[in-house]
Amino acid sequence: MSDKFDPLADFADIAEPSHLEDLSENDASRVLAVAEELILSVHEARTVTLSSDLRMDREPLLKGLEEIRDRLPEELKTARWMIRERAAFIARTNEEGEAIRQKAQSVLASARETAARLVSEHSILAEAVEEANTLVRNAEVRAQAVRLNAEDLSIEQLGRLDTMLTSMLRETRGSASELSESRAKPPPVQGV
């Protein structure tokens, strides 16, 4: 939205009011004079018997009020219209502000929900990673234990094999020695 907010946009169609200085002295004097006449006629009016209501001729009173209204400067009429328009403008902006506030609250609630979900997912992911790391560490420990057991078993088997081979070698050497000794010496060769 590149349009800037203009608070006076609603009043752009109002003509520039004539200035109060343009009000002729006769108009102002006449308005005051008519008002004074009306006030005086109300004070001098007779009351209805057994009542505080006034008894007055309607026509002179209405003519005086109409003359005052007609002689009022245009600025007063424009100002009155502007006050009504201002009140309507404020009401509209309040409604728009409330709608924006409600939308902002909705977006905020949605953001909080999403954040809570993401935190929950992150927490679940962190737990899964921790569990996977624990499983890997346990597997490495077991693999090392199996390897060490296999090495120990190999050493033990090689030791037994060494003992057995050493024993067999001794026996073989002993048998070879016995066989060599038990063998009769060959008779001397004659005629040579």
C-alpha atoms as a PDB file:
ATOM      1  CA  MET A   1       0.000   0.000   0.000  1.00  0.00           C
ATOM      2  CA  SER A   2       1.807   3.040  -1.254  1.00  0.00           C
ATOM      3  CA  ASP A   3      -1.084   5.411  -0.503  1.00  0.00           C
ATOM      4  CA  LYS A   4      -0.392   7.493   2.554  1.00  0.00           C
ATOM      5  CA  PHE A   5      -3.181   8.033   5.058  1.00  0.00           C
ATOM      6  CA  ASP A   6      -4.734  11.487   4.689  1.00  0.00           C
ATOM      7  CA  PRO A   7      -7.005  12.382   7.622  1.00  0.00           C
ATOM      8  CA  LEU A   8      -8.520  15.287   5.689  1.00  0.00           C
ATOM      9  CA  ALA A   9      -9.378  13.272   2.577  1.00  0.00           C
ATOM     10  CA  ASP A  10     -13.012  12.929   3.660  1.00  0.00           C
ATOM     11  CA  PHE A  11     -13.301  16.727   3.798  1.00  0.00           C
ATOM     12  CA  ALA A  12     -11.738  17.475   0.389  1.00  0.00           C
ATOM     13  CA  ASP A  13     -15.099  18.218  -1.210  1.00  0.00           C
ATOM     14  CA  ILE A  14     -15.965  21.018   1.251  1.00  0.00           C
ATOM     15  CA  ALA A  15     -15.733  24.457  -0.248  1.00  0.00           C
ATOM     16  CA  GLU A  16     -13.445  26.877   1.500  1.00  0.00           C
ATOM     17  CA  PRO A  17     -15.759  28.754   3.915  1.00  0.00           C
ATOM     18  CA  SER A  18     -16.070  32.500   3.682  1.00  0.00           C
ATOM     19  CA  HIS A  19     -14.249  34.235   6.505  1.00  0.00           C
ATOM     20  CA  LEU A  20     -15.996  35.680   9.505  1.00  0.00           C
ATOM     21  CA  GLU A  21     -14.566  39.060   8.667  1.00  0.00           C
ATOM     22  CA  ASP A  22     -16.750  39.016   5.536  1.00  0.00           C
ATOM     23  CA  LEU A  23     -19.835  38.990   7.730  1.00  0.00           C
ATOM     24  CA  SER A  24     -21.235  42.460   7.398  1.00  0.00           C
ATOM     25  CA  GLU A  25     -21.707  44.533  10.502  1.00  0.00           C
ATOM     26  CA  ASN A  26     -25.407  44.759   9.666  1.00  0.00           C
ATOM     27  CA  ASP A  27     -25.833  40.937   9.640  1.00  0.00           C
ATOM     28  CA  ALA A  28     -24.112  40.523  13.014  1.00  0.00           C
ATOM     29  CA  SER A  29     -26.002  43.431  14.481  1.00  0.00           C
ATOM     30  CA  ARG A  30     -29.276  42.164  13.084  1.00  0.00           C
ATOM     31  CA  VAL A  31     -28.713  38.637  14.506  1.00  0.00           C
ATOM     32  CA  LEU A  32     -28.057  40.125  17.943  1.00  0.00           C
ATOM     33  CA  ALA A  33     -31.059  42.449  17.655  1.00  0.00           C
ATOM     34  CA  VAL A  34     -33.435  39.630  16.673  1.00  0.00           C
ATOM     35  CA  ALA A  35     -32.093  37.428  19.485  1.00  0.00           C
ATOM     36  CA  GLU A  36     -32.648  40.270  21.966  1.00  0.00           C
ATOM     37  CA  GLU A  37     -36.219  40.792  20.688  1.00  0.00           C
ATOM     38  CA  LEU A  38     -36.983  37.078  21.097  1.00  0.00           C
ATOM     39  CA  ILE A  39     -35.551  36.993  24.600  1.00  0.00           C
ATOM     40  CA  LEU A  40     -37.563  40.071  25.536  1.00  0.00           C
ATOM     41  CA  SER A  41     -40.773  38.605  24.078  1.00  0.00           C
ATOM     42  CA  VAL A  42     -40.257  35.403  26.125  1.00  0.00           C
ATOM     43  CA  HIS A  43     -39.753  37.452  29.283  1.00  0.00           C
ATOM     44  CA  GLU A  44     -42.845  39.523  28.602  1.00  0.00           C
ATOM     45  CA  ALA A  45     -45.039  36.594  27.600  1.00  0.00           C
ATOM     46  CA  ARG A  46     -47.986  35.837  29.799  1.00  0.00           C
ATOM     47  CA  THR A  47     -48.339  32.482  31.540  1.00  0.00           C
ATOM     48  CA  VAL A  48     -51.293  30.188  31.074  1.00  0.00           C
ATOM     49  CA  THR A  49     -53.646  30.276  34.079  1.00  0.00           C
ATOM     50  CA  LEU A  50     -52.705  27.761  36.787  1.00  0.00           C
ATOM     51  CA  SER A  51     -49.565  26.775  34.852  1.00  0.00           C
ATOM     52  CA  SER A  52     -46.013  27.891  34.283  1.00  0.00           C
ATOM     53  CA  ASP A  53     -46.399  27.486  30.501  1.00  0.00           C
ATOM     54  CA  LEU A  54     -46.024  30.634  28.413  1.00  0.00           C
ATOM     55  CA  ARG A  55     -48.634  32.016  26.095  1.00  0.00           C
ATOM     56  CA  MET A  56     -47.000  33.518  22.996  1.00  0.00           C
ATOM     57  CA  ASP A  57     -47.773  34.120  19.366  1.00  0.00           C
ATOM     58  CA  ARG A  58     -46.053  31.437  17.358  1.00  0.00           C
ATOM     59  CA  GLU A  59     -45.532  33.388  14.118  1.00  0.00           C
ATOM     60  CA  PRO A  60     -43.315  36.207  15.432  1.00  0.00           C
ATOM     61  CA  LEU A  61     -41.199  33.705  17.389  1.00  0.00           C
ATOM     62  CA  LEU A  62     -40.709  31.398  14.348  1.00  0.00           C
ATOM     63  CA  LYS A  63     -39.942  34.338  12.026  1.00  0.00           C
ATOM     64  CA  GLY A  64     -37.293  35.630  14.440  1.00  0.00           C
ATOM     65  CA  LEU A  65     -35.638  32.194  14.786  1.00  0.00           C
ATOM     66  CA  GLU A  66     -35.680  31.663  11.011  1.00  0.00           C
ATOM     67  CA  GLU A  67     -34.089  35.057  10.464  1.00  0.00           C
ATOM     68  CA  ILE A  68     -31.332  34.238  12.952  1.00  0.00           C
ATOM     69  CA  ARG A  69     -30.742  30.917  11.222  1.00  0.00           C
ATOM     70  CA  ASP A  70     -30.619  32.536   7.789  1.00  0.00           C
ATOM     71  CA  ARG A  71     -28.225  35.245   8.917  1.00  0.00           C
ATOM     72  CA  LEU A  72     -25.793  32.892  10.648  1.00  0.00           C
ATOM     73  CA  PRO A  73     -22.455  32.853   8.867  1.00  0.00           C
ATOM     74  CA  GLU A  74     -21.736  29.989   6.478  1.00  0.00           C
ATOM     75  CA  GLU A  75     -18.749  28.997   8.654  1.00  0.00           C
ATOM     76  CA  LEU A  76     -21.080  27.887  11.437  1.00  0.00           C
ATOM     77  CA  LYS A  77     -23.029  25.656   9.081  1.00  0.00           C
ATOM     78  CA  THR A  78     -19.803  24.267   7.606  1.00  0.00           C
ATOM     79  CA  ALA A  79     -18.331  23.751  11.062  1.00  0.00           C
ATOM     80  CA  ARG A  80     -21.432  21.885  12.181  1.00  0.00           C
ATOM     81  CA  TRP A  81     -21.285  19.690   9.085  1.00  0.00           C
ATOM     82  CA  MET A  82     -17.570  19.121   9.669  1.00  0.00           C
ATOM     83  CA  ILE A  83     -18.210  18.088  13.262  1.00  0.00           C
ATOM     84  CA  ARG A  84     -20.767  15.502  12.081  1.00  0.00           C
ATOM     85  CA  GLU A  85     -18.358  14.263   9.399  1.00  0.00           C
ATOM     86  CA  ARG A  86     -15.518  14.137  11.926  1.00  0.00           C
ATOM     87  CA  ALA A  87     -17.651  12.030  14.284  1.00  0.00           C
ATOM     88  CA  ALA A  88     -18.530   9.678  11.405  1.00  0.00           C
ATOM     89  CA  PHE A  89     -14.853   9.512  10.373  1.00  0.00           C
ATOM     90  CA  ILE A  90     -13.781   8.718  13.941  1.00  0.00           C
ATOM     91  CA  ALA A  91     -16.446   6.017  14.172  1.00  0.00           C
ATOM     92  CA  ARG A  92     -15.223   4.472  10.886  1.00  0.00           C
ATOM     93  CA  THR A  93     -11.582   4.579  11.948  1.00  0.00           C
ATOM     94  CA  ASN A  94     -12.497   3.082  15.328  1.00  0.00           C
ATOM     95  CA  GLU A  95     -14.297   0.233  13.548  1.00  0.00           C
ATOM     96  CA  GLU A  96     -11.340  -0.279  11.209  1.00  0.00           C
ATOM     97  CA  GLY A  97      -8.951  -0.110  14.163  1.00  0.00           C
ATOM     98  CA  GLU A  98     -10.998  -2.717  16.020  1.00  0.00           C
ATOM     99  CA  ALA A  99     -11.007  -4.966  12.952  1.00  0.00           C
ATOM    100  CA  ILE A 100      -7.235  -4.558  12.625  1.00  0.00           C
ATOM    101  CA  ARG A 101      -6.787  -5.236  16.353  1.00  0.00           C
ATOM    102  CA  GLN A 102      -8.890  -8.396  16.116  1.00  0.00           C
ATOM    103  CA  LYS A 103      -6.929  -9.555  13.060  1.00  0.00           C
ATOM    104  CA  ALA A 104      -3.657  -8.833  14.871  1.00  0.00           C
ATOM    105  CA  GLN A 105      -4.861 -10.854  17.863  1.00  0.00           C
ATOM    106  CA  SER A 106      -5.784 -13.702  15.535  1.00  0.00           C
ATOM    107  CA  VAL A 107      -2.361 -13.580  13.841  1.00  0.00           C
ATOM    108  CA  LEU A 108      -0.673 -13.427  17.254  1.00  0.00           C
ATOM    109  CA  ALA A 109      -2.658 -16.424  18.512  1.00  0.00           C
ATOM    110  CA  SER A 110      -1.773 -18.336  15.357  1.00  0.00           C
ATOM    111  CA  ALA A 111       1.898 -17.394  15.757  1.00  0.00           C
ATOM    112  CA  ARG A 112       1.855 -18.551  19.380  1.00  0.00           C
ATOM    113  CA  GLU A 113       0.247 -21.833  18.316  1.00  0.00           C
ATOM    114  CA  THR A 114       2.852 -22.326  15.589  1.00  0.00           C
ATOM    115  CA  ALA A 115       5.670 -21.464  17.998  1.00  0.00           C
ATOM    116  CA  ALA A 116       4.330 -23.933  20.566  1.00  0.00           C
ATOM    117  CA  ARG A 117       4.059 -26.618  17.881  1.00  0.00           C
ATOM    118  CA  LEU A 118       7.579 -25.905  16.629  1.00  0.00           C
ATOM    119  CA  VAL A 119       8.957 -25.970  20.166  1.00  0.00           C
ATOM    120  CA  SER A 120       7.168 -29.267  20.732  1.00  0.00           C
ATOM    121  CA  GLU A 121       8.503 -30.661  17.444  1.00  0.00           C
ATOM    122  CA  HIS A 122      11.977 -29.389  18.306  1.00  0.00           C
ATOM    123  CA  SER A 123      11.733 -30.995  21.730  1.00  0.00           C
ATOM    124  CA  ILE A 124      10.606 -34.300  20.161  1.00  0.00           C
ATOM    125  CA  LEU A 125      13.422 -34.055  17.616  1.00  0.00           C
ATOM    126  CA  ALA A 126      15.946 -33.286  20.362  1.00  0.00           C
ATOM    127  CA  GLU A 127      14.723 -36.308  22.339  1.00  0.00           C
ATOM    128  CA  ALA A 128      14.982 -38.500  19.232  1.00  0.00           C
ATOM    129  CA  VAL A 129      18.521 -37.260  18.515  1.00  0.00           C
ATOM    130  CA  GLU A 130      19.508 -37.867  22.148  1.00  0.00           C
ATOM    131  CA  GLU A 131      18.030 -41.371  22.048  1.00  0.00           C
ATOM    132  CA  ALA A 132      19.801 -42.092  18.736  1.00  0.00           C
ATOM    133  CA  ASN A 133      23.089 -40.852  20.209  1.00  0.00           C
ATOM    134  CA  THR A 134      22.566 -43.096  23.247  1.00  0.00           C
ATOM    135  CA  LEU A 135      21.866 -46.089  20.996  1.00  0.00           C
ATOM    136  CA  VAL A 136      25.001 -45.373  18.929  1.00  0.00           C
ATOM    137  CA  ARG A 137      27.132 -45.040  22.091  1.00  0.00           C
ATOM    138  CA  ASN A 138      25.684 -48.283  23.483  1.00  0.00           C
ATOM    139  CA  ALA A 139      26.331 -50.050  20.151  1.00  0.00           C
ATOM    140  CA  GLU A 140      29.918 -48.775  20.109  1.00  0.00           C
ATOM    141  CA  VAL A 141      30.453 -49.995  23.696  1.00  0.00           C
ATOM    142  CA  ARG A 142      28.968 -53.424  22.835  1.00  0.00           C
ATOM    143  CA  ALA A 143      31.053 -53.630  19.648  1.00  0.00           C
ATOM    144  CA  GLN A 144      34.207 -52.835  21.613  1.00  0.00           C
ATOM    145  CA  ALA A 145      33.288 -55.456  24.237  1.00  0.00           C
ATOM    146  CA  VAL A 146      32.663 -58.068  21.518  1.00  0.00           C
ATOM    147  CA  ARG A 147      35.966 -57.168  19.837  1.00  0.00           C
ATOM    148  CA  LEU A 148      37.860 -57.410  23.139  1.00  0.00           C
ATOM    149  CA  ASN A 149      36.185 -60.750  23.935  1.00  0.00           C
ATOM    150  CA  ALA A 150      37.088 -62.007  20.472  1.00  0.00           C
ATOM    151  CA  GLU A 151      40.699 -60.906  20.939  1.00  0.00           C
ATOM    152  CA  ASP A 152      40.839 -62.528  24.389  1.00  0.00           C
ATOM    153  CA  LEU A 153      39.375 -65.751  22.973  1.00  0.00           C
ATOM    154  CA  SER A 154      41.832 -65.635  20.065  1.00  0.00           C
ATOM    155  CA  ILE A 155      44.773 -65.132  22.430  1.00  0.00           C
ATOM    156  CA  GLU A 156      43.546 -67.983  24.611  1.00  0.00           C
ATOM    157  CA  GLN A 157      43.079 -70.292  21.588  1.00  0.00           C
ATOM    158  CA  LEU A 158      46.468 -69.290  20.183  1.00  0.00           C
ATOM    159  CA  GLY A 159      48.017 -70.005  23.598  1.00  0.00           C
ATOM    160  CA  ARG A 160      46.418 -73.469  23.651  1.00  0.00           C
ATOM    161  CA  LEU A 161      47.532 -74.070  20.073  1.00  0.00           C
ATOM    162  CA  ASP A 162      51.082 -72.928  20.996  1.00  0.00           C
ATOM    163  CA  THR A 163      51.098 -75.259  24.004  1.00  0.00           C
ATOM    164  CA  MET A 164      49.760 -78.106  21.887  1.00  0.00           C
ATOM    165  CA  LEU A 165      52.197 -77.472  19.056  1.00  0.00           C
ATOM    166  CA  THR A 166      55.102 -77.111  21.486  1.00  0.00           C
ATOM    167  CA  SER A 167      54.084 -80.393  23.116  1.00  0.00           C
ATOM    168  CA  MET A 168      53.758 -82.086  19.727  1.00  0.00           C
ATOM    169  CA  LEU A 169      57.121 -80.671  18.622  1.00  0.00           C
ATOM    170  CA  ARG A 170      58.754 -82.031  21.773  1.00  0.00           C
ATOM    171  CA  GLU A 171      57.137 -85.375  21.234  1.00  0.00           C
ATOM    172  CA  THR A 172      58.139 -85.359  17.590  1.00  0.00           C
ATOM    173  CA  ARG A 173      61.728 -84.463  18.434  1.00  0.00           C
ATOM    174  CA  GLY A 174      61.755 -87.057  21.193  1.00  0.00           C
ATOM    175  CA  SER A 175      60.376 -89.692  18.838  1.00  0.00           C
ATOM    176  CA  ALA A 176      62.880 -88.689  16.160  1.00  0.00           C
ATOM    177  CA  SER A 177      65.683 -88.863  18.676  1.00  0.00           C
ATOM    178  CA  GLU A 178      64.533 -92.232  19.919  1.00  0.00           C
ATOM    179  CA  LEU A 179      64.232 -93.480  16.424  1.00  0.00           C
ATOM    180  CA  SER A 180      67.681 -92.248  15.603  1.00  0.00           C
ATOM    181  CA  GLU A 181      69.178 -93.865  18.645  1.00  0.00           C
ATOM    182  CA  SER A 182      67.390 -97.116  18.303  1.00  0.00           C
ATOM    183  CA  ARG A 183      68.466 -97.562  14.848  1.00  0.00           C
ATOM    184  CA  ALA A 184      71.350 -99.857  14.529  1.00  0.00           C
ATOM    185  CA  LYS A 185      74.417 -98.520  13.217  1.00  0.00           C
ATOM    186  CA  PRO A 186      74.963 -99.782   9.787  1.00  0.00           C
ATOM    187  CA  PRO A 187      77.498-102.517   9.402  1.00  0.00           C
ATOM    188  CA  PRO A 188      80.761-101.325   8.139  1.00  0.00           C
ATOM    189  CA  VAL A 189      81.126-101.517   4.482  1.00  0.00           C
ATOM    190  CA  GLN A 190      83.484-104.181   3.418  1.00  0.00           C
ATOM    191  CA  GLY A 191      85.879-104.079   0.784  1.00  0.00           C
ATOM    192  CA  VAL A 192      86.494-100.749   0.511  1.00  0.00           C
END
